[in-house]
C-alpha atoms as a PDB file:
ATOM      1  CA  MET A   1      13.235   9.986 -48.367  1.00  0.00           C
ATOM      2  CA  ARG A   2      11.994  12.708 -46.063  1.00  0.00           C
ATOM      3  CA  GLY A   3       8.454  11.453 -46.181  1.00  0.00           C
ATOM      4  CA  LYS A   4       9.894   8.015 -44.775  1.00  0.00           C
ATOM      5  CA  LEU A   5      11.575   9.887 -41.941  1.00  0.00           C
ATOM      6  CA  VAL A   6       8.382  11.743 -41.031  1.00  0.00           C
ATOM      7  CA  GLY A   7       6.461   8.554 -41.489  1.00  0.00           C
ATOM      8  CA  LEU A   8       8.891   6.947 -39.066  1.00  0.00           C
ATOM      9  CA  ALA A   9       9.235   9.639 -36.324  1.00  0.00           C
ATOM     10  CA  VAL A  10       5.080   9.770 -36.435  1.00  0.00           C
ATOM     11  CA  PHE A  11       5.014   5.596 -36.025  1.00  0.00           C
ATOM     12  CA  LEU A  12       7.718   6.388 -33.278  1.00  0.00           C
ATOM     13  CA  TRP A  13       5.740   8.831 -31.449  1.00  0.00           C
ATOM     14  CA  VAL A  14       2.522   7.073 -31.494  1.00  0.00           C
ATOM     15  CA  LEU A  15       4.151   3.804 -30.154  1.00  0.00           C
ATOM     16  CA  LEU A  16       6.045   5.737 -27.506  1.00  0.00           C
ATOM     17  CA  SER A  17       2.761   7.667 -26.462  1.00  0.00           C
ATOM     18  CA  SER A  18       0.821   4.162 -26.399  1.00  0.00           C
ATOM     19  CA  LEU A  19       3.247   2.707 -24.129  1.00  0.00           C
ATOM     20  CA  SER A  20       3.037   6.134 -21.676  1.00  0.00           C
ATOM     21  CA  LEU A  21      -0.698   5.847 -21.769  1.00  0.00           C
ATOM     22  CA  GLU A  22      -0.439   1.763 -21.057  1.00  0.00           C
ATOM     23  CA  ALA A  23       2.104   2.891 -17.930  1.00  0.00           C
ATOM     24  CA  ILE A  24      -0.396   5.180 -16.705  1.00  0.00           C
ATOM     25  CA  ALA A  25      -3.330   3.106 -16.743  1.00  0.00           C
ATOM     26  CA  ASP A  26      -1.153   0.386 -15.027  1.00  0.00           C
ATOM     27  CA  ASP A  27      -0.100   2.764 -12.212  1.00  0.00           C
ATOM     28  CA  ALA A  28      -3.757   3.686 -11.749  1.00  0.00           C
ATOM     29  CA  LEU A  29      -4.641   0.170 -11.749  1.00  0.00           C
ATOM     30  CA  ASN A  30      -1.914  -0.581  -8.996  1.00  0.00           C
ATOM     31  CA  ALA A  31      -3.026   2.070  -7.063  1.00  0.00           C
ATOM     32  CA  LYS A  32      -6.597   1.033  -6.959  1.00  0.00           C
ATOM     33  CA  THR A  33      -5.516  -2.428  -6.047  1.00  0.00           C
ATOM     34  CA  LYS A  34      -3.538  -1.269  -3.190  1.00  0.00           C
ATOM     35  CA  ALA A  35      -5.921   1.048  -1.967  1.00  0.00           C
ATOM     36  CA  ASN A  36      -8.531  -1.616  -2.164  1.00  0.00           C
ATOM     37  CA  TYR A  37      -5.972  -4.132  -0.012  1.00  0.00           C
ATOM     38  CA  VAL A  38      -5.198  -1.195   2.598  1.00  0.00           C
ATOM     39  CA  PHE A  39      -9.098  -0.974   2.961  1.00  0.00           C
ATOM     40  CA  ASN A  40      -9.463  -4.798   3.450  1.00  0.00           C
ATOM     41  CA  PHE A  41      -6.800  -4.885   6.003  1.00  0.00           C
ATOM     42  CA  THR A  42      -9.035  -2.789   8.369  1.00  0.00           C
ATOM     43  CA  LYS A  43     -11.500  -5.777   8.212  1.00  0.00           C
ATOM     44  CA  PHE A  44      -9.022  -8.610   8.613  1.00  0.00           C
ATOM     45  CA  VAL A  45      -6.545  -7.374  11.336  1.00  0.00           C
ATOM     46  CA  GLU A  46      -7.471  -6.847  14.895  1.00  0.00           C
ATOM     47  CA  TRP A  47      -5.793  -4.240  17.022  1.00  0.00           C
ATOM     48  CA  PRO A  48      -6.125  -5.249  20.563  1.00  0.00           C
ATOM     49  CA  ALA A  49      -5.788  -1.699  22.160  1.00  0.00           C
ATOM     50  CA  LEU A  50      -7.958   0.103  19.785  1.00  0.00           C
ATOM     51  CA  MET A  51      -9.383   2.799  22.192  1.00  0.00           C
ATOM     52  CA  ASN A  52     -12.167   4.695  20.209  1.00  0.00           C
ATOM     53  CA  ASP A  53     -14.382   4.125  16.882  1.00  0.00           C
ATOM     54  CA  THR A  54     -11.783   5.927  14.889  1.00  0.00           C
ATOM     55  CA  LEU A  55      -9.375   3.825  12.696  1.00  0.00           C
ATOM     56  CA  HIS A  56      -6.392   5.847  11.339  1.00  0.00           C
ATOM     57  CA  VAL A  57      -5.019   5.094   8.027  1.00  0.00           C
ATOM     58  CA  CYS A  58      -1.878   7.134   7.381  1.00  0.00           C
ATOM     59  CA  ILE A  59      -0.410   6.954   3.945  1.00  0.00           C
ATOM     60  CA  VAL A  60       3.195   8.526   3.152  1.00  0.00           C
ATOM     61  CA  GLY A  61       4.306   9.416  -0.308  1.00  0.00           C
ATOM     62  CA  ALA A  62       1.392   7.969  -2.376  1.00  0.00           C
ATOM     63  CA  GLU A  63      -1.395  10.388  -3.231  1.00  0.00           C
ATOM     64  CA  PRO A  64      -3.428   8.279  -5.436  1.00  0.00           C
ATOM     65  CA  ILE A  65      -4.058   5.979  -2.954  1.00  0.00           C
ATOM     66  CA  VAL A  66      -4.926   8.514  -0.552  1.00  0.00           C
ATOM     67  CA  ASN A  67      -7.303   9.799  -2.998  1.00  0.00           C
ATOM     68  CA  LEU A  68      -9.162   6.448  -3.523  1.00  0.00           C
ATOM     69  CA  LEU A  69      -9.105   5.724   0.421  1.00  0.00           C
ATOM     70  CA  SER A  70     -10.609   8.974   0.819  1.00  0.00           C
ATOM     71  CA  ASP A  71     -13.448   7.650  -1.182  1.00  0.00           C
ATOM     72  CA  LEU A  72     -13.903   4.388   0.698  1.00  0.00           C
ATOM     73  CA  ALA A  73     -13.942   6.232   4.101  1.00  0.00           C
ATOM     74  CA  SER A  74     -17.575   6.488   4.577  1.00  0.00           C
ATOM     75  CA  ARG A  75     -17.997   2.624   4.460  1.00  0.00           C
ATOM     76  CA  ASP A  76     -18.195   0.771   7.578  1.00  0.00           C
ATOM     77  CA  THR A  77     -15.399  -1.249   8.786  1.00  0.00           C
ATOM     78  CA  LYS A  78     -16.236  -3.425  11.385  1.00  0.00           C
ATOM     79  CA  GLY A  79     -17.783  -0.570  13.343  1.00  0.00           C
ATOM     80  CA  HIS A  80     -14.980   1.484  13.052  1.00  0.00           C
ATOM     81  CA  LEU A  81     -14.969   5.032  11.409  1.00  0.00           C
ATOM     82  CA  LEU A  82     -12.080   5.181   8.865  1.00  0.00           C
ATOM     83  CA  GLN A  83      -9.878   8.391   9.077  1.00  0.00           C
ATOM     84  CA  ILE A  84      -7.382   8.813   6.061  1.00  0.00           C
ATOM     85  CA  TRP A  85      -4.402  10.954   6.430  1.00  0.00           C
ATOM     86  CA  SER A  86      -1.959  12.115   3.668  1.00  0.00           C
ATOM     87  CA  GLY A  87       1.591  12.298   5.686  1.00  0.00           C
ATOM     88  CA  ILE A  88       2.161  12.381   9.559  1.00  0.00           C
ATOM     89  CA  ASP A  89       3.630  14.140  12.180  1.00  0.00           C
ATOM     90  CA  ASP A  90       3.132  11.656  14.680  1.00  0.00           C
ATOM     91  CA  PRO A  91       2.834   8.179  13.391  1.00  0.00           C
ATOM     92  CA  GLN A  92       1.805   6.313  16.676  1.00  0.00           C
ATOM     93  CA  VAL A  93      -1.656   7.725  16.238  1.00  0.00           C
ATOM     94  CA  CYS A  94      -1.887   5.331  12.990  1.00  0.00           C
ATOM     95  CA  GLN A  95      -3.203   1.949  12.926  1.00  0.00           C
ATOM     96  CA  ILE A  96      -2.081   1.300   9.304  1.00  0.00           C
ATOM     97  CA  LEU A  97       0.856   3.210   8.291  1.00  0.00           C
ATOM     98  CA  TYR A  98       1.406   2.831   4.475  1.00  0.00           C
ATOM     99  CA  ILE A  99       4.668   3.980   3.091  1.00  0.00           C
ATOM    100  CA  ASP A 100       5.116   4.258  -0.519  1.00  0.00           C
ATOM    101  CA  LYS A 101       8.693   2.759  -1.807  1.00  0.00           C
ATOM    102  CA  ASP A 102       9.933   6.084  -3.090  1.00  0.00           C
ATOM    103  CA  ALA A 103       9.134   7.850   0.416  1.00  0.00           C
ATOM    104  CA  PRO A 104      12.813   9.083   2.029  1.00  0.00           C
ATOM    105  CA  GLU A 105      11.520   8.158   5.264  1.00  0.00           C
ATOM    106  CA  LEU A 106      10.644   4.890   4.764  1.00  0.00           C
ATOM    107  CA  GLN A 107      13.140   3.112   6.778  1.00  0.00           C
ATOM    108  CA  ALA A 108      13.173   5.757   9.358  1.00  0.00           C
ATOM    109  CA  LEU A 109       9.295   5.576  10.140  1.00  0.00           C
ATOM    110  CA  THR A 110       9.456   1.893   9.771  1.00  0.00           C
ATOM    111  CA  ARG A 111      12.128   1.670  12.659  1.00  0.00           C
ATOM    112  CA  GLN A 112      10.327   4.330  14.579  1.00  0.00           C
ATOM    113  CA  VAL A 113       7.016   2.346  14.923  1.00  0.00           C
ATOM    114  CA  ARG A 114       8.469  -1.175  15.261  1.00  0.00           C
ATOM    115  CA  GLY A 115       6.854  -2.849  17.998  1.00  0.00           C
ATOM    116  CA  ASN A 116       3.906  -0.632  18.325  1.00  0.00           C
ATOM    117  CA  GLN A 117       0.374  -1.671  17.457  1.00  0.00           C
ATOM    118  CA  ILE A 118       0.758  -0.582  13.896  1.00  0.00           C
ATOM    119  CA  LEU A 119       0.285  -2.334  10.791  1.00  0.00           C
ATOM    120  CA  THR A 120       3.080  -1.271   8.329  1.00  0.00           C
ATOM    121  CA  VAL A 121       2.550  -1.697   4.650  1.00  0.00           C
ATOM    122  CA  SER A 122       4.815  -0.861   1.836  1.00  0.00           C
ATOM    123  CA  ASP A 123       5.623  -1.524  -1.981  1.00  0.00           C
ATOM    124  CA  ALA A 124       9.221  -1.454  -1.289  1.00  0.00           C
ATOM    125  CA  ASP A 125      11.292  -4.481  -2.731  1.00  0.00           C
ATOM    126  CA  GLY A 126      11.052  -7.108   0.155  1.00  0.00           C
ATOM    127  CA  PHE A 127       9.620  -4.778   2.783  1.00  0.00           C
ATOM    128  CA  ALA A 128       7.976  -7.638   4.862  1.00  0.00           C
ATOM    129  CA  GLY A 129      11.512  -9.516   4.748  1.00  0.00           C
ATOM    130  CA  LYS A 130      13.337  -6.659   6.162  1.00  0.00           C
ATOM    131  CA  GLY A 131      10.768  -6.360   9.333  1.00  0.00           C
ATOM    132  CA  GLY A 132       7.411  -4.624   7.857  1.00  0.00           C
ATOM    133  CA  CYS A 133       4.247  -6.411   8.579  1.00  0.00           C
ATOM    134  CA  ILE A 134       2.568  -6.656   4.717  1.00  0.00           C
ATOM    135  CA  GLY A 135       4.507  -6.095   1.583  1.00  0.00           C
ATOM    136  CA  PHE A 136       3.042  -5.873  -1.928  1.00  0.00           C
ATOM    137  CA  TYR A 137       4.886  -7.223  -4.722  1.00  0.00           C
ATOM    138  CA  ALA A 138       4.336  -7.893  -8.499  1.00  0.00           C
ATOM    139  CA  GLU A 139       3.805 -11.173 -10.276  1.00  0.00           C
ATOM    140  CA  ASN A 140       2.607 -11.849 -13.550  1.00  0.00           C
ATOM    141  CA  GLY A 141       1.218  -8.338 -13.842  1.00  0.00           C
ATOM    142  CA  GLN A 142      -0.619  -8.620 -10.573  1.00  0.00           C
ATOM    143  CA  ILE A 143      -0.130  -7.071  -7.152  1.00  0.00           C
ATOM    144  CA  LYS A 144       0.150  -9.851  -4.504  1.00  0.00           C
ATOM    145  CA  LEU A 145       0.674  -9.769  -0.775  1.00  0.00           C
ATOM    146  CA  GLU A 146       3.542 -11.080   1.393  1.00  0.00           C
ATOM    147  CA  ILE A 147       3.500 -11.096   5.409  1.00  0.00           C
ATOM    148  CA  ASN A 148       5.984 -11.146   7.962  1.00  0.00           C
ATOM    149  CA  PRO A 149       4.346 -13.048  10.784  1.00  0.00           C
ATOM    150  CA  ASP A 150       6.825 -12.170  13.103  1.00  0.00           C
ATOM    151  CA  ALA A 151       6.736  -8.537  12.639  1.00  0.00           C
ATOM    152  CA  VAL A 152       3.006  -8.822  12.770  1.00  0.00           C
ATOM    153  CA  ARG A 153       3.144 -10.777  16.131  1.00  0.00           C
ATOM    154  CA  ASN A 154       5.951  -8.061  17.578  1.00  0.00           C
ATOM    155  CA  ALA A 155       3.252  -5.228  16.737  1.00  0.00           C
ATOM    156  CA  GLN A 156       0.698  -7.360  18.863  1.00  0.00           C
ATOM    157  CA  LEU A 157      -1.904  -7.742  15.865  1.00  0.00           C
ATOM    158  CA  LYS A 158      -3.763 -10.441  14.633  1.00  0.00           C
ATOM    159  CA  ILE A 159      -4.355 -11.237  11.068  1.00  0.00           C
ATOM    160  CA  ASN A 160      -7.450 -13.454   9.910  1.00  0.00           C
ATOM    161  CA  ALA A 161      -6.359 -16.501   8.675  1.00  0.00           C
ATOM    162  CA  LEU A 162      -8.385 -15.802   5.185  1.00  0.00           C
ATOM    163  CA  LEU A 163      -5.537 -13.092   4.524  1.00  0.00           C
ATOM    164  CA  MET A 164      -2.760 -15.413   5.498  1.00  0.00           C
ATOM    165  CA  GLU A 165      -4.005 -17.759   3.004  1.00  0.00           C
ATOM    166  CA  ILE A 166      -3.749 -15.628   0.278  1.00  0.00           C
ATOM    167  CA  ALA A 167      -0.291 -14.364   1.071  1.00  0.00           C
ATOM    168  CA  ARG A 168       3.098 -15.773   0.610  1.00  0.00           C
ATOM    169  CA  ILE A 169       4.938 -15.762   4.191  1.00  0.00           C
ATOM    170  CA  VAL A 170       8.174 -14.299   4.781  1.00  0.00           C
ATOM    171  CA  ARG A 171      10.495 -14.110   7.818  1.00  0.00           C
END
């Protein structure tokens, strides 16, 4: 009897360990997908009043995305230098503001920058439907986009039609 219990315990441990590793792998893949999307937003969004050659991407509460974007920062993005900031003191300096769904300042930051030329992005449930510019959502194991064209227009930004085509439009 004791041998069966030990065998069952080992089986359960292996099963739970593999589920944990799978969840970690999924989280890493999701972070990579989101980082790639954010980087590509720099190519498919126009900021009319971009005063200098630097495009500031501010990330709040998502260190894996910060790390991945930092690796991409040396790439050219429509002639702009990309500067990645982890956390922010003044969100008004950002052109893209990504706020993680678990960041306590999500709602306050979103309200604070509304109407400014800042592309707000989050993986919070229903973010775009609640007034953010671009939201990430999961569907069939994939990260997808939803875009709120009214929020984008209020931010005085223009999104390329190719990006609009791959997104779900919400209002």
